[in-house]
Amino acid sequence: MACYSVVVQRARPTNWLMLMAAAVLFSTGGAAIKAISMTSWQIASFRSGIAALTLAIFIPDARRHWRWTLVPAGTAYAATLVLFTLATKLTTSANTIYLQSTAPLYLLLIGPLILKEPLRRSDLLFLLAVAGGMLLCFSSAQPAVATAPDPRTGNLLAAASGLTWALTVTGLRWLARREGAGNAATATVVVGNLLAFLATLPMALPVTRAGWQDITALLYLGVFQIALAYLFVTRAIRHVPAFEATTVLLLEPALNPVWVWFFQAERPARGSIAGGALILSATLVNAWWQSRTPHVG
């Protein structure tokens, strides 16, 4: 779950490795969330609280540039974090990440309204491809299982997280245009995690059961899967061309179901795999096409 505007400089091997490490860390979220026996609200709250604290401590810029203009994007990001967690607990991890990956579809529809970014003819094919993948994920027959007890509700929440992620990216673009790139992305991540923590805390309390495995997994999610991954992204993204960065970060949705299959033996439906492949392929082709097309403004 990472999307930033890119200022291309010479990319060193360490930048590629950091970006790849970030994608791998992001991809482990589904398996780690499903491994925790606590409620979805508890995971969403404590995961984000740990992440916000870690980022604020280790990245000085993350706590120096707070301002009210970050709240809209931060709120959208907070909603994304919570929806992703709730969806992961209810449906397969594959469906969660694939449906969240439909964010570019919403972004193309939101862009002309908020950012005044025109919709091009080539975007229509991309919209159709992503919509087709989305329909495959929704229409695939998935019986309730232990790791996915309510696929229908989970799929709806995952699709909603795609919309809120698109709103997050839109907010970051709006901030970059208004105030310059600056440190808006990093500060927004901290604000979003803090808002997610506070908003879900009433539903997370009281905690009646939390084993050492649950605490370890929560610490991993907050410190490594969110905080360290975003640290890697913010350090590397400005030095890697946009298409290459998009390609590397697609490791997240590609690996996410693999980790869950390996650790929880969760197998997504064939329709979900086909839908996810269509969404990811369309995203890759669209990124490649945009890298070949000159942009004005």
Protein backbone atom coordinates (compact mmCIF):
# COMPACT_ATOMS: atom_id res chain seq x y z
CA MET A 1 0.00 0.00 0.00
CA ALA A 2 2.34 2.71 -1.20
CA CYS A 3 1.89 5.45 -3.74
CA TYR A 4 3.91 8.64 -3.98
CA SER A 5 4.85 11.22 -6.54
CA VAL A 6 8.35 10.46 -7.79
CA VAL A 7 11.24 12.85 -8.41
CA VAL A 8 13.64 10.73 -10.43
CA GLN A 9 17.29 10.83 -9.59
CA ARG A 10 19.98 8.26 -10.23
CA ALA A 11 18.81 5.00 -8.70
CA ARG A 12 21.42 3.12 -6.70
CA PRO A 13 21.13 -0.62 -5.97
CA THR A 14 20.33 0.18 -2.34
CA ASN A 15 17.24 2.14 -3.42
CA TRP A 16 15.95 -0.85 -5.39
CA LEU A 17 16.63 -3.17 -2.46
CA MET A 18 14.83 -0.86 -0.01
CA LEU A 19 11.82 -0.61 -2.31
CA MET A 20 11.74 -4.37 -2.76
CA ALA A 21 12.07 -4.90 1.00
CA ALA A 22 9.17 -2.49 1.57
CA ALA A 23 6.96 -4.40 -0.87
CA VAL A 24 7.80 -7.71 0.84
CA LEU A 25 7.06 -6.25 4.28
CA PHE A 26 3.76 -4.79 3.08
CA SER A 27 2.83 -8.19 1.62
CA THR A 28 3.07 -9.95 4.99
CA GLY A 29 0.19 -7.97 6.48
CA GLY A 30 -2.50 -10.49 5.60
CA ALA A 31 -0.71 -13.48 7.13
CA ALA A 32 0.22 -11.58 10.29
CA ILE A 33 -3.33 -10.24 10.81
CA LYS A 34 -4.86 -13.69 10.36
CA ALA A 35 -2.36 -15.16 12.84
CA ILE A 36 -3.66 -12.94 15.67
CA SER A 37 -6.51 -14.30 17.79
CA MET A 38 -7.64 -10.86 18.97
CA THR A 39 -10.61 -9.03 17.45
CA SER A 40 -10.36 -7.03 14.23
CA TRP A 41 -10.88 -3.77 16.12
CA GLN A 42 -8.07 -4.58 18.55
CA ILE A 43 -5.69 -5.43 15.72
CA ALA A 44 -6.60 -2.30 13.77
CA SER A 45 -6.19 -0.05 16.82
CA PHE A 46 -3.00 -1.43 18.37
CA ARG A 47 -1.28 -2.03 15.04
CA SER A 48 -1.74 1.61 14.05
CA GLY A 49 -0.85 2.91 17.50
CA ILE A 50 2.46 1.05 17.44
CA ALA A 51 3.17 2.23 13.89
CA ALA A 52 2.43 5.89 14.69
CA LEU A 53 4.68 5.81 17.75
CA THR A 54 7.52 4.07 15.88
CA LEU A 55 7.43 6.50 12.96
CA ALA A 56 7.24 9.54 15.24
CA ILE A 57 10.28 8.35 17.18
CA PHE A 58 12.54 7.29 14.33
CA ILE A 59 11.59 9.78 11.61
CA PRO A 60 11.90 13.36 12.92
CA ASP A 61 10.20 14.84 9.85
CA ALA A 62 7.13 12.75 10.61
CA ARG A 63 6.44 14.79 13.75
CA ARG A 64 7.66 18.20 12.63
CA HIS A 65 5.32 18.94 9.76
CA TRP A 66 1.85 18.34 11.15
CA ARG A 67 -0.81 20.75 9.96
CA TRP A 68 -4.57 20.79 9.50
CA THR A 69 -4.27 20.31 5.75
CA LEU A 70 -3.07 16.75 6.40
CA VAL A 71 -6.33 15.74 8.09
CA PRO A 72 -8.38 14.86 4.94
CA ALA A 73 -5.67 12.58 3.50
CA GLY A 74 -4.86 11.25 6.97
CA THR A 75 -8.52 10.41 7.59
CA ALA A 76 -8.76 8.56 4.27
CA TYR A 77 -5.58 6.65 5.09
CA ALA A 78 -6.89 5.79 8.56
CA ALA A 79 -10.05 4.39 6.98
CA THR A 80 -7.90 2.35 4.59
CA LEU A 81 -5.93 0.82 7.47
CA VAL A 82 -9.07 -0.11 9.40
CA LEU A 83 -10.98 -1.45 6.39
CA PHE A 84 -8.01 -3.55 5.30
CA THR A 85 -7.78 -5.15 8.74
CA LEU A 86 -11.51 -5.83 9.00
CA ALA A 87 -11.64 -7.25 5.48
CA THR A 88 -8.61 -9.49 6.03
CA LYS A 89 -10.29 -11.09 9.02
CA LEU A 90 -13.53 -11.74 7.10
CA THR A 91 -12.52 -12.80 3.59
CA THR A 92 -9.48 -14.34 1.96
CA SER A 93 -6.30 -12.32 2.01
CA ALA A 94 -6.14 -12.61 -1.77
CA ASN A 95 -9.53 -10.96 -2.23
CA THR A 96 -8.65 -8.25 0.27
CA ILE A 97 -5.45 -7.19 -1.45
CA TYR A 98 -6.80 -7.62 -4.98
CA LEU A 99 -9.90 -5.53 -4.29
CA GLN A 100 -7.82 -2.87 -2.55
CA SER A 101 -5.63 -2.84 -5.66
CA THR A 102 -8.60 -1.48 -7.62
CA ALA A 103 -7.72 1.94 -6.17
CA PRO A 104 -6.44 3.21 -9.56
CA LEU A 105 -9.94 2.67 -10.96
CA TYR A 106 -11.41 5.06 -8.40
CA LEU A 107 -8.45 7.40 -8.80
CA LEU A 108 -9.14 7.84 -12.51
CA LEU A 109 -12.75 8.73 -11.70
CA ILE A 110 -11.88 11.05 -8.79
CA GLY A 111 -8.97 12.78 -10.55
CA PRO A 112 -11.04 14.82 -13.02
CA LEU A 113 -13.32 16.04 -10.21
CA ILE A 114 -10.80 17.02 -7.52
CA LEU A 115 -7.44 17.31 -9.25
CA LYS A 116 -8.76 18.42 -12.67
CA GLU A 117 -6.78 15.61 -14.29
CA PRO A 118 -8.38 14.75 -17.65
CA LEU A 119 -9.53 11.20 -18.36
CA ARG A 120 -7.82 9.90 -21.50
CA ARG A 121 -9.12 7.33 -23.96
CA SER A 122 -6.43 4.86 -22.96
CA ASP A 123 -7.69 5.09 -19.38
CA LEU A 124 -11.05 3.65 -20.43
CA LEU A 125 -9.46 0.31 -21.33
CA PHE A 126 -7.71 0.27 -17.98
CA LEU A 127 -10.99 1.02 -16.20
CA LEU A 128 -12.72 -1.84 -18.00
CA ALA A 129 -9.91 -4.28 -17.20
CA VAL A 130 -9.84 -3.40 -13.50
CA ALA A 131 -13.64 -3.48 -13.29
CA GLY A 132 -13.59 -6.92 -14.91
CA GLY A 133 -11.06 -8.16 -12.35
CA MET A 134 -13.19 -6.72 -9.57
CA LEU A 135 -16.27 -8.57 -10.83
CA LEU A 136 -14.31 -11.84 -10.98
CA CYS A 137 -13.29 -11.42 -7.34
CA PHE A 138 -16.86 -10.71 -6.26
CA SER A 139 -18.45 -13.45 -8.33
CA SER A 140 -16.06 -16.26 -7.39
CA ALA A 141 -17.75 -18.86 -5.20
CA GLN A 142 -16.05 -18.83 -1.81
CA PRO A 143 -17.57 -20.82 1.05
CA ALA A 144 -16.97 -19.57 4.57
CA VAL A 145 -13.91 -21.14 6.19
CA ALA A 146 -12.01 -20.59 9.44
CA THR A 147 -9.67 -17.98 7.96
CA ALA A 148 -12.46 -16.30 5.95
CA PRO A 149 -15.74 -16.61 7.91
CA ASP A 150 -17.75 -13.98 5.99
CA PRO A 151 -16.38 -13.54 2.44
CA ARG A 152 -19.24 -11.38 1.18
CA THR A 153 -18.92 -8.71 3.87
CA GLY A 154 -15.14 -8.90 3.70
CA ASN A 155 -15.18 -8.35 -0.06
CA LEU A 156 -17.33 -5.24 0.33
CA LEU A 157 -14.98 -3.83 2.98
CA ALA A 158 -11.96 -4.61 0.79
CA ALA A 159 -13.53 -2.79 -2.16
CA ALA A 160 -14.24 0.15 0.14
CA SER A 161 -10.57 0.17 1.16
CA GLY A 162 -9.69 0.56 -2.51
CA LEU A 163 -11.83 3.70 -2.61
CA THR A 164 -10.35 5.14 0.59
CA TRP A 165 -6.82 4.42 -0.66
CA ALA A 166 -7.64 6.30 -3.88
CA LEU A 167 -8.85 9.20 -1.73
CA THR A 168 -5.58 9.03 0.23
CA VAL A 169 -3.50 9.28 -2.93
CA THR A 170 -5.71 12.10 -4.19
CA GLY A 171 -5.15 13.97 -0.93
CA LEU A 172 -1.39 13.52 -1.18
CA ARG A 173 -1.39 14.82 -4.76
CA TRP A 174 -3.47 17.81 -3.72
CA LEU A 175 -1.04 18.57 -0.88
CA ALA A 176 1.95 18.28 -3.22
CA ARG A 177 0.39 20.75 -5.67
CA ARG A 178 -0.58 23.21 -2.96
CA GLU A 179 2.43 23.06 -0.65
CA GLY A 180 5.11 21.21 -2.60
CA ALA A 181 6.12 17.59 -2.09
CA GLY A 182 7.87 18.29 1.24
CA ASN A 183 7.20 15.73 3.95
CA ALA A 184 3.45 15.47 3.46
CA ALA A 185 3.49 11.73 2.71
CA THR A 186 5.42 10.72 5.82
CA ALA A 187 3.45 13.05 8.10
CA THR A 188 0.18 11.78 6.59
CA VAL A 189 1.16 8.20 7.40
CA VAL A 190 1.70 9.15 11.05
CA VAL A 191 -1.51 11.19 11.25
CA GLY A 192 -3.48 8.39 9.57
CA ASN A 193 -2.17 5.74 11.94
CA LEU A 194 -2.85 7.95 14.94
CA LEU A 195 -6.42 8.61 13.79
CA ALA A 196 -6.97 4.89 13.13
CA PHE A 197 -5.69 4.08 16.62
CA LEU A 198 -7.92 6.63 18.35
CA ALA A 199 -11.04 5.93 16.28
CA THR A 200 -10.97 2.17 16.90
CA LEU A 201 -9.73 2.22 20.50
CA PRO A 202 -13.25 2.33 22.06
CA MET A 203 -14.17 -0.85 20.15
CA ALA A 204 -10.84 -2.46 21.04
CA LEU A 205 -11.29 -2.17 24.81
CA PRO A 206 -11.35 -4.06 27.05
CA VAL A 207 -8.73 -6.63 26.04
CA THR A 208 -9.73 -9.92 27.60
CA ARG A 209 -7.22 -12.16 25.87
CA ALA A 210 -3.80 -11.51 24.36
CA GLY A 211 -1.14 -14.20 24.22
CA TRP A 212 2.54 -13.63 23.59
CA GLN A 213 2.07 -14.69 19.96
CA ASP A 214 -0.61 -12.02 19.52
CA ILE A 215 1.63 -9.33 21.05
CA THR A 216 4.60 -10.40 18.94
CA ALA A 217 2.52 -10.28 15.76
CA LEU A 218 1.12 -6.85 16.66
CA LEU A 219 4.61 -5.49 17.29
CA TYR A 220 5.73 -6.91 13.96
CA LEU A 221 2.79 -5.30 12.14
CA GLY A 222 3.32 -1.87 13.69
CA VAL A 223 7.11 -1.69 13.72
CA PHE A 224 8.06 -3.62 10.59
CA GLN A 225 5.06 -4.14 8.29
CA ILE A 226 4.03 -0.46 8.46
CA ALA A 227 6.75 1.75 10.00
CA LEU A 228 9.91 0.16 8.59
CA ALA A 229 8.27 -0.46 5.22
CA TYR A 230 7.25 3.19 4.88
CA LEU A 231 10.71 4.29 5.99
CA PHE A 232 12.18 2.24 3.14
CA VAL A 233 9.64 3.64 0.67
CA THR A 234 10.22 7.27 1.61
CA ARG A 235 13.99 6.82 1.35
CA ALA A 236 13.93 5.03 -2.02
CA ILE A 237 10.91 6.23 -4.00
CA ARG A 238 12.39 9.55 -5.12
CA HIS A 239 15.36 7.84 -6.72
CA VAL A 240 13.48 5.20 -8.74
CA PRO A 241 11.58 5.93 -11.99
CA ALA A 242 7.79 5.73 -11.64
CA PHE A 243 7.24 2.65 -13.83
CA GLU A 244 10.01 0.68 -12.16
CA ALA A 245 8.74 1.69 -8.72
CA THR A 246 5.22 0.57 -9.62
CA THR A 247 6.57 -2.75 -10.88
CA VAL A 248 8.52 -3.43 -7.70
CA LEU A 249 5.64 -2.44 -5.40
CA LEU A 250 3.34 -4.87 -7.23
CA LEU A 251 5.23 -7.53 -5.30
CA GLU A 252 2.92 -6.68 -2.40
CA PRO A 253 -0.37 -7.93 -3.91
CA ALA A 254 1.48 -10.75 -5.68
CA LEU A 255 3.11 -12.13 -2.52
CA ASN A 256 0.32 -11.40 -0.02
CA PRO A 257 -1.77 -14.51 -0.86
CA VAL A 258 1.39 -16.64 -0.99
CA TRP A 259 2.30 -15.91 2.64
CA VAL A 260 -1.26 -16.67 3.79
CA TRP A 261 -1.31 -19.92 1.80
CA PHE A 262 2.06 -20.91 3.33
CA PHE A 263 1.25 -20.06 6.97
CA GLN A 264 -2.56 -20.52 7.14
CA ALA A 265 -3.15 -22.88 4.20
CA GLU A 266 -5.75 -20.45 2.84
CA ARG A 267 -6.52 -21.08 -0.83
CA PRO A 268 -8.31 -18.35 -2.81
CA ALA A 269 -10.94 -19.30 -5.38
CA ARG A 270 -9.84 -19.60 -9.00
CA GLY A 271 -12.02 -16.65 -9.95
CA SER A 272 -10.24 -14.50 -7.36
CA ILE A 273 -6.84 -15.49 -8.73
CA ALA A 274 -7.98 -14.68 -12.26
CA GLY A 275 -9.45 -11.37 -11.13
CA GLY A 276 -6.31 -10.46 -9.22
CA ALA A 277 -4.11 -11.33 -12.19
CA LEU A 278 -6.26 -9.11 -14.42
CA ILE A 279 -6.12 -6.18 -11.97
CA LEU A 280 -2.36 -6.41 -11.47
CA SER A 281 -1.64 -6.89 -15.17
CA ALA A 282 -3.80 -3.90 -16.07
CA THR A 283 -2.03 -1.79 -13.45
CA LEU A 284 1.37 -2.79 -14.78
CA VAL A 285 0.44 -2.08 -18.40
CA ASN A 286 -1.14 1.25 -17.45
CA ALA A 287 1.99 2.30 -15.53
CA TRP A 288 4.16 1.34 -18.49
CA TRP A 289 1.93 3.29 -20.89
CA GLN A 290 1.97 6.38 -18.67
CA SER A 291 5.78 6.22 -18.45
CA ARG A 292 5.90 6.46 -22.27
CA THR A 293 3.40 9.33 -22.45
CA PRO A 294 4.60 12.90 -21.76
CA HIS A 295 2.59 14.71 -19.09
CA VAL A 296 1.90 18.40 -19.01
CA GLY A 297 1.76 20.21 -15.66
